[in-house]
Amino acid sequence: MIDTKIRGGLHHIAIEVTDMDRSIEFYRGLLGLRLTERHEADEIPQIPVALAFLRADNNHHDLVLAHNPNKKYRKKSSADETEGLSGFHHFAFEMENRDAWLAQIEKVKEQGLEIVRGPIVHSPFHPRGEGSWGENESFYVLDPDGHRIEIFCDMGVVENDGSFTDAYGKKIEGAMAVEI
């Protein structure tokens, strides 16, 4: 039987944006992403949206920006919090280490961006943990279209026996995965 398990987890996300140029500049400025390719809507008849492929390192793309020139975009409203179509809650970028993460916090502040949550330690087990889950340290900002972005470091690991290990290799006592 062929193993159908995914390799390495989530690879990239594509998000819809209202202004392609503004969004490209935002992600370049915030995270240093680089533009791999940019295509106008209808270059290929089956793709009626403009696309920009951005990368952090050597992947072809880590983030795809999509813009539909035929769509009338509206600003988010307070009603969107309690009614409407489903969407995604947030997406995340991992910093190389805690020092890089701390430097990213300073960069965000220098750019005048609002940190909408954090900095926090997601953990009910860590001494500085605020009780939530995930075993990582993070903060959240919004992009120009209101997409919530988590920037994090030091993600915990689930071992083969279901136990958790922190980013430094220390077993987290009392923590177990629901499924092994």
N, C-alpha and C. Protein backbone atom coordinates (compact mmCIF):
# COMPACT_ATOMS: atom_id res chain seq x y z
N MET A 1 0.85 -1.18 0.00
CA MET A 1 0.00 0.00 0.00
C MET A 1 0.89 1.24 0.00
N ILE A 2 0.49 2.26 -0.76
CA ILE A 2 1.24 3.51 -0.84
C ILE A 2 0.87 4.39 0.35
N ASP A 3 1.88 4.95 1.01
CA ASP A 3 1.65 5.87 2.13
C ASP A 3 1.19 7.21 1.57
N THR A 4 0.03 7.67 2.02
CA THR A 4 -0.52 8.94 1.51
C THR A 4 -0.33 10.08 2.51
N LYS A 5 0.49 9.90 3.51
CA LYS A 5 0.75 10.94 4.50
C LYS A 5 1.50 12.10 3.84
N ILE A 6 1.10 13.33 4.17
CA ILE A 6 1.78 14.48 3.59
C ILE A 6 3.21 14.59 4.12
N ARG A 7 4.03 15.25 3.37
CA ARG A 7 5.44 15.40 3.72
C ARG A 7 5.68 16.80 4.25
N GLY A 8 6.12 16.92 5.48
CA GLY A 8 6.58 18.20 5.99
C GLY A 8 5.52 19.20 6.38
N GLY A 9 4.26 18.88 6.28
CA GLY A 9 3.23 19.82 6.71
C GLY A 9 2.83 20.80 5.63
N LEU A 10 2.19 21.86 6.03
CA LEU A 10 1.69 22.88 5.12
C LEU A 10 2.84 23.57 4.41
N HIS A 11 2.70 23.75 3.12
CA HIS A 11 3.78 24.37 2.36
C HIS A 11 3.54 25.85 2.11
N HIS A 12 2.42 26.23 1.55
CA HIS A 12 2.17 27.64 1.28
C HIS A 12 0.68 27.94 1.39
N ILE A 13 0.38 29.22 1.39
CA ILE A 13 -1.01 29.66 1.44
C ILE A 13 -1.19 30.72 0.36
N ALA A 14 -2.38 30.79 -0.21
CA ALA A 14 -2.74 31.83 -1.16
C ALA A 14 -3.86 32.65 -0.54
N ILE A 15 -3.67 33.96 -0.52
CA ILE A 15 -4.68 34.84 0.07
C ILE A 15 -5.13 35.86 -0.96
N GLU A 16 -6.38 36.27 -0.85
CA GLU A 16 -6.91 37.28 -1.75
C GLU A 16 -6.62 38.66 -1.18
N VAL A 17 -6.17 39.57 -2.04
CA VAL A 17 -5.83 40.93 -1.61
C VAL A 17 -6.55 41.94 -2.49
N THR A 18 -6.79 43.12 -1.94
CA THR A 18 -7.50 44.15 -2.68
C THR A 18 -6.58 45.01 -3.54
N ASP A 19 -5.30 45.09 -3.17
CA ASP A 19 -4.34 45.93 -3.90
C ASP A 19 -3.02 45.16 -3.97
N MET A 20 -2.71 44.65 -5.14
CA MET A 20 -1.54 43.79 -5.31
C MET A 20 -0.23 44.52 -4.97
N ASP A 21 -0.03 45.70 -5.50
CA ASP A 21 1.22 46.42 -5.25
C ASP A 21 1.41 46.69 -3.77
N ARG A 22 0.37 47.16 -3.10
CA ARG A 22 0.44 47.46 -1.67
C ARG A 22 0.77 46.20 -0.87
N SER A 23 0.15 45.08 -1.22
CA SER A 23 0.39 43.84 -0.49
C SER A 23 1.80 43.30 -0.72
N ILE A 24 2.28 43.37 -1.95
CA ILE A 24 3.65 42.93 -2.23
C ILE A 24 4.62 43.74 -1.38
N GLU A 25 4.46 45.05 -1.35
CA GLU A 25 5.35 45.90 -0.56
C GLU A 25 5.23 45.60 0.93
N PHE A 26 4.03 45.32 1.41
CA PHE A 26 3.84 45.00 2.82
C PHE A 26 4.64 43.75 3.20
N TYR A 27 4.50 42.68 2.43
CA TYR A 27 5.18 41.43 2.77
C TYR A 27 6.69 41.51 2.53
N ARG A 28 7.11 42.33 1.59
CA ARG A 28 8.55 42.59 1.43
C ARG A 28 9.07 43.30 2.68
N GLY A 29 8.37 44.33 3.10
CA GLY A 29 8.81 45.14 4.23
C GLY A 29 8.73 44.43 5.56
N LEU A 30 7.65 43.69 5.79
CA LEU A 30 7.46 43.01 7.08
C LEU A 30 8.37 41.81 7.22
N LEU A 31 8.42 40.96 6.21
CA LEU A 31 9.10 39.67 6.33
C LEU A 31 10.29 39.50 5.39
N GLY A 32 10.55 40.47 4.55
CA GLY A 32 11.65 40.34 3.61
C GLY A 32 11.39 39.34 2.50
N LEU A 33 10.10 39.03 2.24
CA LEU A 33 9.78 38.10 1.16
C LEU A 33 10.20 38.72 -0.17
N ARG A 34 10.57 37.86 -1.12
CA ARG A 34 11.00 38.30 -2.44
C ARG A 34 10.04 37.77 -3.50
N LEU A 35 9.86 38.57 -4.53
CA LEU A 35 8.95 38.23 -5.61
C LEU A 35 9.61 37.26 -6.57
N THR A 36 9.00 36.10 -6.74
CA THR A 36 9.49 35.10 -7.71
C THR A 36 8.89 35.36 -9.08
N GLU A 37 7.57 35.49 -9.12
CA GLU A 37 6.85 35.73 -10.38
C GLU A 37 5.62 36.56 -10.09
N ARG A 38 5.19 37.30 -11.12
CA ARG A 38 3.94 38.04 -11.03
C ARG A 38 3.22 37.90 -12.37
N HIS A 39 1.91 37.62 -12.30
CA HIS A 39 1.14 37.39 -13.51
C HIS A 39 -0.17 38.15 -13.44
N GLU A 40 -0.57 38.68 -14.58
CA GLU A 40 -1.83 39.41 -14.67
C GLU A 40 -3.00 38.43 -14.83
N ALA A 41 -4.17 38.90 -14.48
CA ALA A 41 -5.38 38.09 -14.64
C ALA A 41 -5.55 37.71 -16.11
N ASP A 42 -6.03 36.51 -16.35
CA ASP A 42 -6.35 35.99 -17.68
C ASP A 42 -5.13 35.72 -18.57
N GLU A 43 -3.91 35.75 -18.01
CA GLU A 43 -2.75 35.32 -18.82
C GLU A 43 -2.98 33.91 -19.32
N ILE A 44 -3.56 33.10 -18.46
CA ILE A 44 -4.03 31.77 -18.81
C ILE A 44 -5.55 31.82 -18.64
N PRO A 45 -6.32 31.46 -19.67
CA PRO A 45 -7.78 31.64 -19.60
C PRO A 45 -8.44 31.02 -18.36
N GLN A 46 -7.90 29.96 -17.84
CA GLN A 46 -8.51 29.31 -16.67
C GLN A 46 -8.19 30.03 -15.36
N ILE A 47 -7.34 31.06 -15.40
CA ILE A 47 -6.94 31.77 -14.17
C ILE A 47 -7.32 33.24 -14.32
N PRO A 48 -8.54 33.60 -13.87
CA PRO A 48 -9.02 34.97 -14.06
C PRO A 48 -8.53 35.96 -13.00
N VAL A 49 -7.57 35.56 -12.18
CA VAL A 49 -7.05 36.45 -11.14
C VAL A 49 -5.57 36.74 -11.38
N ALA A 50 -5.14 37.91 -10.91
CA ALA A 50 -3.72 38.25 -10.93
C ALA A 50 -3.05 37.51 -9.77
N LEU A 51 -1.83 37.04 -9.98
CA LEU A 51 -1.13 36.27 -8.95
C LEU A 51 0.29 36.80 -8.78
N ALA A 52 0.74 36.83 -7.52
CA ALA A 52 2.13 37.15 -7.21
C ALA A 52 2.64 36.03 -6.30
N PHE A 53 3.77 35.46 -6.67
CA PHE A 53 4.39 34.37 -5.91
C PHE A 53 5.58 34.95 -5.14
N LEU A 54 5.51 34.87 -3.80
CA LEU A 54 6.58 35.40 -2.95
C LEU A 54 7.26 34.27 -2.19
N ARG A 55 8.54 34.45 -1.91
CA ARG A 55 9.31 33.41 -1.23
C ARG A 55 10.16 34.01 -0.12
N ALA A 56 10.43 33.17 0.89
CA ALA A 56 11.31 33.55 1.98
C ALA A 56 12.74 33.13 1.70
N ASP A 57 12.91 31.97 1.08
CA ASP A 57 14.25 31.42 0.84
C ASP A 57 14.32 30.93 -0.59
N ASN A 58 14.47 29.60 -0.78
CA ASN A 58 14.63 29.10 -2.14
C ASN A 58 13.43 28.32 -2.67
N ASN A 59 12.33 28.20 -1.89
CA ASN A 59 11.11 27.64 -2.45
C ASN A 59 10.63 28.57 -3.56
N HIS A 60 9.99 28.03 -4.57
CA HIS A 60 9.42 28.89 -5.60
C HIS A 60 8.47 29.91 -4.97
N HIS A 61 7.65 29.44 -4.02
CA HIS A 61 6.77 30.36 -3.31
C HIS A 61 6.38 29.81 -1.94
N ASP A 62 6.26 30.73 -1.01
CA ASP A 62 5.77 30.43 0.33
C ASP A 62 4.42 31.11 0.58
N LEU A 63 4.19 32.20 -0.16
CA LEU A 63 2.94 32.94 -0.07
C LEU A 63 2.54 33.35 -1.48
N VAL A 64 1.25 33.16 -1.79
CA VAL A 64 0.72 33.59 -3.08
C VAL A 64 -0.33 34.66 -2.79
N LEU A 65 -0.22 35.77 -3.49
CA LEU A 65 -1.22 36.83 -3.40
C LEU A 65 -2.08 36.75 -4.65
N ALA A 66 -3.39 36.80 -4.48
CA ALA A 66 -4.34 36.73 -5.59
C ALA A 66 -5.23 37.96 -5.56
N HIS A 67 -5.45 38.55 -6.73
CA HIS A 67 -6.33 39.71 -6.84
C HIS A 67 -7.26 39.52 -8.03
N ASN A 68 -8.55 39.67 -7.77
CA ASN A 68 -9.55 39.53 -8.83
C ASN A 68 -9.95 40.93 -9.30
N PRO A 69 -9.53 41.34 -10.50
CA PRO A 69 -9.86 42.69 -10.97
C PRO A 69 -11.34 42.88 -11.28
N ASN A 70 -12.10 41.80 -11.35
CA ASN A 70 -13.54 41.89 -11.63
C ASN A 70 -14.40 41.88 -10.36
N LYS A 71 -13.75 41.86 -9.21
CA LYS A 71 -14.48 41.78 -7.95
C LYS A 71 -14.55 43.16 -7.31
N LYS A 72 -15.70 43.50 -6.77
CA LYS A 72 -15.85 44.74 -6.02
C LYS A 72 -15.56 44.41 -4.56
N TYR A 73 -14.42 44.86 -4.08
CA TYR A 73 -14.01 44.59 -2.71
C TYR A 73 -14.66 45.60 -1.76
N ARG A 74 -14.93 45.16 -0.55
CA ARG A 74 -15.44 46.06 0.48
C ARG A 74 -14.56 45.91 1.72
N LYS A 75 -14.55 46.92 2.54
CA LYS A 75 -13.81 46.85 3.80
C LYS A 75 -14.52 45.90 4.74
N LYS A 76 -13.74 45.31 5.65
CA LYS A 76 -14.34 44.47 6.68
C LYS A 76 -15.20 45.35 7.58
N SER A 77 -16.23 44.73 8.13
CA SER A 77 -17.11 45.47 9.05
C SER A 77 -17.18 44.72 10.38
N SER A 78 -17.72 45.40 11.38
CA SER A 78 -17.86 44.75 12.69
C SER A 78 -18.77 43.54 12.61
N ALA A 79 -19.71 43.53 11.66
CA ALA A 79 -20.63 42.39 11.50
C ALA A 79 -19.87 41.13 11.06
N ASP A 80 -18.72 41.31 10.40
CA ASP A 80 -17.96 40.15 9.94
C ASP A 80 -17.50 39.26 11.09
N GLU A 81 -17.42 39.80 12.29
CA GLU A 81 -17.00 39.01 13.45
C GLU A 81 -18.09 38.04 13.91
N THR A 82 -19.36 38.32 13.58
CA THR A 82 -20.46 37.50 14.09
C THR A 82 -21.32 36.86 13.00
N GLU A 83 -21.12 37.26 11.74
CA GLU A 83 -21.91 36.66 10.66
C GLU A 83 -21.13 36.75 9.35
N GLY A 84 -21.47 35.88 8.41
CA GLY A 84 -20.84 35.93 7.11
C GLY A 84 -20.24 34.60 6.71
N LEU A 85 -19.49 34.64 5.64
CA LEU A 85 -18.84 33.44 5.13
C LEU A 85 -17.71 33.02 6.06
N SER A 86 -17.38 31.73 6.03
CA SER A 86 -16.24 31.29 6.81
C SER A 86 -14.97 31.75 6.11
N GLY A 87 -13.92 31.87 6.85
CA GLY A 87 -12.62 32.26 6.32
C GLY A 87 -11.55 31.54 7.10
N PHE A 88 -10.35 32.04 7.07
CA PHE A 88 -9.33 31.45 7.93
C PHE A 88 -9.03 32.42 9.07
N HIS A 89 -8.58 31.88 10.17
CA HIS A 89 -8.33 32.71 11.36
C HIS A 89 -6.99 33.43 11.26
N HIS A 90 -5.93 32.72 10.91
CA HIS A 90 -4.62 33.33 10.75
C HIS A 90 -3.71 32.38 10.00
N PHE A 91 -2.59 32.89 9.54
CA PHE A 91 -1.52 32.05 9.03
C PHE A 91 -0.23 32.53 9.67
N ALA A 92 0.80 31.69 9.65
CA ALA A 92 1.97 31.96 10.47
C ALA A 92 3.28 31.82 9.71
N PHE A 93 4.24 32.60 10.14
CA PHE A 93 5.60 32.52 9.64
C PHE A 93 6.53 32.26 10.83
N GLU A 94 7.42 31.29 10.66
CA GLU A 94 8.36 30.92 11.72
C GLU A 94 9.68 31.65 11.54
N MET A 95 10.15 32.29 12.60
CA MET A 95 11.46 32.93 12.58
C MET A 95 12.52 31.87 12.91
N GLU A 96 13.73 32.10 12.46
CA GLU A 96 14.81 31.11 12.60
C GLU A 96 15.10 30.78 14.06
N ASN A 97 15.04 31.76 14.94
CA ASN A 97 15.32 31.54 16.36
C ASN A 97 14.71 32.70 17.15
N ARG A 98 14.84 32.64 18.46
CA ARG A 98 14.21 33.66 19.31
C ARG A 98 14.84 35.03 19.10
N ASP A 99 16.15 35.11 18.88
CA ASP A 99 16.79 36.41 18.63
C ASP A 99 16.22 37.06 17.38
N ALA A 100 16.02 36.28 16.32
CA ALA A 100 15.43 36.81 15.09
C ALA A 100 13.98 37.24 15.33
N TRP A 101 13.28 36.47 16.16
CA TRP A 101 11.90 36.81 16.50
C TRP A 101 11.83 38.13 17.27
N LEU A 102 12.73 38.30 18.25
CA LEU A 102 12.77 39.55 19.00
C LEU A 102 13.10 40.73 18.09
N ALA A 103 14.03 40.52 17.16
CA ALA A 103 14.37 41.58 16.20
C ALA A 103 13.16 41.90 15.32
N GLN A 104 12.34 40.88 14.99
CA GLN A 104 11.15 41.11 14.17
C GLN A 104 10.13 41.95 14.93
N ILE A 105 10.02 41.76 16.23
CA ILE A 105 9.12 42.60 17.03
C ILE A 105 9.55 44.07 16.91
N GLU A 106 10.85 44.33 17.03
CA GLU A 106 11.36 45.69 16.91
C GLU A 106 11.10 46.26 15.51
N LYS A 107 11.28 45.43 14.49
CA LYS A 107 11.02 45.86 13.11
C LYS A 107 9.56 46.25 12.93
N VAL A 108 8.66 45.46 13.48
CA VAL A 108 7.22 45.74 13.40
C VAL A 108 6.92 47.08 14.08
N LYS A 109 7.51 47.31 15.24
CA LYS A 109 7.29 48.57 15.95
C LYS A 109 7.86 49.74 15.14
N GLU A 110 9.04 49.59 14.57
CA GLU A 110 9.64 50.64 13.75
C GLU A 110 8.78 50.98 12.55
N GLN A 111 8.10 49.98 11.99
CA GLN A 111 7.23 50.20 10.84
C GLN A 111 5.88 50.79 11.24
N GLY A 112 5.65 50.93 12.54
CA GLY A 112 4.40 51.51 13.02
C GLY A 112 3.21 50.57 12.93
N LEU A 113 3.48 49.26 12.82
CA LEU A 113 2.39 48.29 12.77
C LEU A 113 1.90 47.98 14.18
N GLU A 114 0.61 47.74 14.28
CA GLU A 114 0.03 47.37 15.57
C GLU A 114 0.17 45.87 15.80
N ILE A 115 0.68 45.51 16.95
CA ILE A 115 0.66 44.11 17.37
C ILE A 115 -0.71 43.88 18.01
N VAL A 116 -1.54 43.06 17.35
CA VAL A 116 -2.92 42.88 17.81
C VAL A 116 -3.05 41.81 18.89
N ARG A 117 -2.00 41.02 19.07
CA ARG A 117 -1.95 40.07 20.20
C ARG A 117 -0.51 39.71 20.43
N GLY A 118 -0.13 39.67 21.72
CA GLY A 118 1.21 39.27 22.08
C GLY A 118 2.11 40.46 22.38
N PRO A 119 3.37 40.16 22.53
CA PRO A 119 4.03 38.86 22.49
C PRO A 119 3.56 37.96 23.64
N ILE A 120 3.40 36.69 23.30
CA ILE A 120 2.92 35.70 24.26
C ILE A 120 3.64 34.38 24.07
N VAL A 121 3.59 33.57 25.11
CA VAL A 121 4.04 32.18 25.02
C VAL A 121 2.76 31.34 25.03
N HIS A 122 2.50 30.66 23.91
CA HIS A 122 1.35 29.76 23.83
C HIS A 122 1.70 28.49 24.59
N SER A 123 1.24 28.36 25.81
CA SER A 123 1.52 27.15 26.58
C SER A 123 0.80 27.16 27.91
N PRO A 124 0.19 26.04 28.26
CA PRO A 124 -0.31 25.88 29.62
C PRO A 124 0.78 25.30 30.54
N PHE A 125 1.94 24.96 29.98
CA PHE A 125 3.00 24.28 30.74
C PHE A 125 4.21 25.16 31.01
N HIS A 126 4.53 26.08 30.13
CA HIS A 126 5.71 26.93 30.26
C HIS A 126 5.50 27.94 31.39
N PRO A 127 6.54 28.25 32.17
CA PRO A 127 6.38 29.21 33.28
C PRO A 127 5.86 30.58 32.83
N ARG A 128 6.18 31.01 31.62
CA ARG A 128 5.67 32.28 31.10
C ARG A 128 4.44 32.10 30.22
N GLY A 129 3.96 30.87 30.10
CA GLY A 129 2.80 30.59 29.24
C GLY A 129 1.55 31.28 29.73
N GLU A 130 0.71 31.70 28.77
CA GLU A 130 -0.52 32.40 29.12
C GLU A 130 -1.73 31.48 29.09
N GLY A 131 -1.48 30.17 29.00
CA GLY A 131 -2.55 29.20 29.13
C GLY A 131 -3.11 28.66 27.83
N SER A 132 -2.78 29.29 26.70
CA SER A 132 -3.27 28.78 25.42
C SER A 132 -2.36 27.65 24.94
N TRP A 133 -2.58 27.17 23.76
CA TRP A 133 -1.95 25.94 23.30
C TRP A 133 -1.04 26.20 22.11
N GLY A 134 -0.09 25.30 21.89
CA GLY A 134 0.77 25.38 20.72
C GLY A 134 2.25 25.26 21.04
N GLU A 135 2.63 25.58 22.25
CA GLU A 135 4.03 25.46 22.67
C GLU A 135 4.97 26.24 21.76
N ASN A 136 4.70 27.54 21.63
CA ASN A 136 5.57 28.44 20.88
C ASN A 136 5.42 29.86 21.42
N GLU A 137 6.33 30.72 21.00
CA GLU A 137 6.26 32.13 21.38
C GLU A 137 5.86 32.92 20.14
N SER A 138 4.90 33.84 20.28
CA SER A 138 4.41 34.49 19.08
C SER A 138 3.83 35.87 19.34
N PHE A 139 3.59 36.57 18.23
CA PHE A 139 2.79 37.78 18.24
C PHE A 139 2.06 37.85 16.90
N TYR A 140 1.03 38.70 16.85
CA TYR A 140 0.15 38.77 15.68
C TYR A 140 0.04 40.20 15.19
N VAL A 141 0.03 40.36 13.86
CA VAL A 141 -0.22 41.64 13.20
C VAL A 141 -1.25 41.41 12.09
N LEU A 142 -1.78 42.50 11.56
CA LEU A 142 -2.71 42.43 10.44
C LEU A 142 -2.05 43.01 9.19
N ASP A 143 -2.32 42.40 8.04
CA ASP A 143 -1.82 42.97 6.79
C ASP A 143 -2.81 44.05 6.33
N PRO A 144 -2.54 44.74 5.21
CA PRO A 144 -3.43 45.82 4.78
C PRO A 144 -4.87 45.41 4.52
N ASP A 145 -5.13 44.13 4.27
CA ASP A 145 -6.50 43.65 4.05
C ASP A 145 -7.10 43.02 5.30
N GLY A 146 -6.41 43.10 6.42
CA GLY A 146 -6.93 42.56 7.67
C GLY A 146 -6.66 41.09 7.89
N HIS A 147 -5.82 40.45 7.04
CA HIS A 147 -5.44 39.06 7.30
C HIS A 147 -4.55 39.03 8.54
N ARG A 148 -4.87 38.12 9.44
CA ARG A 148 -4.15 38.00 10.71
C ARG A 148 -2.92 37.11 10.50
N ILE A 149 -1.75 37.64 10.85
CA ILE A 149 -0.48 36.94 10.64
C ILE A 149 0.17 36.69 11.99
N GLU A 150 0.50 35.43 12.24
CA GLU A 150 1.26 35.08 13.45
C GLU A 150 2.73 34.98 13.06
N ILE A 151 3.58 35.59 13.86
CA ILE A 151 5.02 35.47 13.68
C ILE A 151 5.53 34.80 14.95
N PHE A 152 6.19 33.64 14.77
CA PHE A 152 6.51 32.84 15.95
C PHE A 152 7.92 32.27 15.90
N CYS A 153 8.31 31.73 17.04
CA CYS A 153 9.58 31.01 17.15
C CYS A 153 9.40 29.88 18.17
N ASP A 154 10.36 28.99 18.17
CA ASP A 154 10.48 27.96 19.21
C ASP A 154 9.25 27.07 19.35
N MET A 155 8.77 26.53 18.24
CA MET A 155 7.62 25.62 18.24
C MET A 155 8.00 24.30 18.90
N GLY A 156 7.14 23.81 19.77
CA GLY A 156 7.34 22.51 20.36
C GLY A 156 7.18 21.39 19.33
N VAL A 157 7.62 20.21 19.71
CA VAL A 157 7.59 19.05 18.82
C VAL A 157 6.81 17.93 19.51
N VAL A 158 6.03 17.18 18.73
CA VAL A 158 5.35 15.99 19.24
C VAL A 158 6.22 14.80 18.89
N GLU A 159 6.66 14.08 19.90
CA GLU A 159 7.52 12.91 19.70
C GLU A 159 6.69 11.71 19.26
N ASN A 160 7.35 10.65 18.82
CA ASN A 160 6.65 9.45 18.34
C ASN A 160 5.75 8.82 19.38
N ASP A 161 6.06 8.98 20.67
CA ASP A 161 5.21 8.42 21.72
C ASP A 161 4.07 9.36 22.13
N GLY A 162 3.97 10.53 21.47
CA GLY A 162 2.91 11.49 21.76
C GLY A 162 3.29 12.55 22.77
N SER A 163 4.44 12.41 23.41
CA SER A 163 4.87 13.42 24.37
C SER A 163 5.35 14.67 23.63
N PHE A 164 5.38 15.79 24.34
CA PHE A 164 5.83 17.05 23.76
C PHE A 164 7.25 17.33 24.23
N THR A 165 8.04 17.91 23.34
CA THR A 165 9.38 18.39 23.65
C THR A 165 9.43 19.85 23.23
N ASP A 166 10.02 20.70 24.09
CA ASP A 166 10.11 22.10 23.70
C ASP A 166 11.19 22.29 22.62
N ALA A 167 11.32 23.49 22.14
CA ALA A 167 12.25 23.77 21.03
C ALA A 167 13.71 23.52 21.40
N TYR A 168 13.98 23.36 22.68
CA TYR A 168 15.36 23.15 23.15
C TYR A 168 15.62 21.71 23.56
N GLY A 169 14.64 20.81 23.24
CA GLY A 169 14.83 19.39 23.49
C GLY A 169 14.40 18.92 24.86
N LYS A 170 13.81 19.78 25.66
CA LYS A 170 13.37 19.39 27.01
C LYS A 170 11.94 18.86 26.94
N LYS A 171 11.73 17.66 27.56
CA LYS A 171 10.38 17.08 27.60
C LYS A 171 9.46 17.96 28.44
N ILE A 172 8.24 18.16 27.94
CA ILE A 172 7.25 18.98 28.65
C ILE A 172 6.37 18.02 29.43
N GLU A 173 6.55 18.04 30.73
CA GLU A 173 5.82 17.12 31.61
C GLU A 173 4.32 17.40 31.57
N GLY A 174 3.54 16.31 31.46
CA GLY A 174 2.08 16.40 31.50
C GLY A 174 1.43 16.67 30.15
N ALA A 175 2.23 16.86 29.11
CA ALA A 175 1.67 17.17 27.79
C ALA A 175 1.69 15.92 26.92
N MET A 176 0.55 15.60 26.31
CA MET A 176 0.44 14.45 25.41
C MET A 176 -0.47 14.81 24.24
N ALA A 177 -0.11 14.36 23.06
CA ALA A 177 -0.94 14.55 21.88
C ALA A 177 -2.20 13.70 21.98
N VAL A 178 -3.29 14.14 21.43
CA VAL A 178 -4.55 13.40 21.44
C VAL A 178 -4.41 12.13 20.62
N GLU A 179 -3.78 12.23 19.45
CA GLU A 179 -3.55 11.04 18.59
C GLU A 179 -2.06 10.85 18.41
N ILE A 180 -1.65 9.59 18.45
CA ILE A 180 -0.23 9.27 18.26
C ILE A 180 -0.06 8.69 16.87
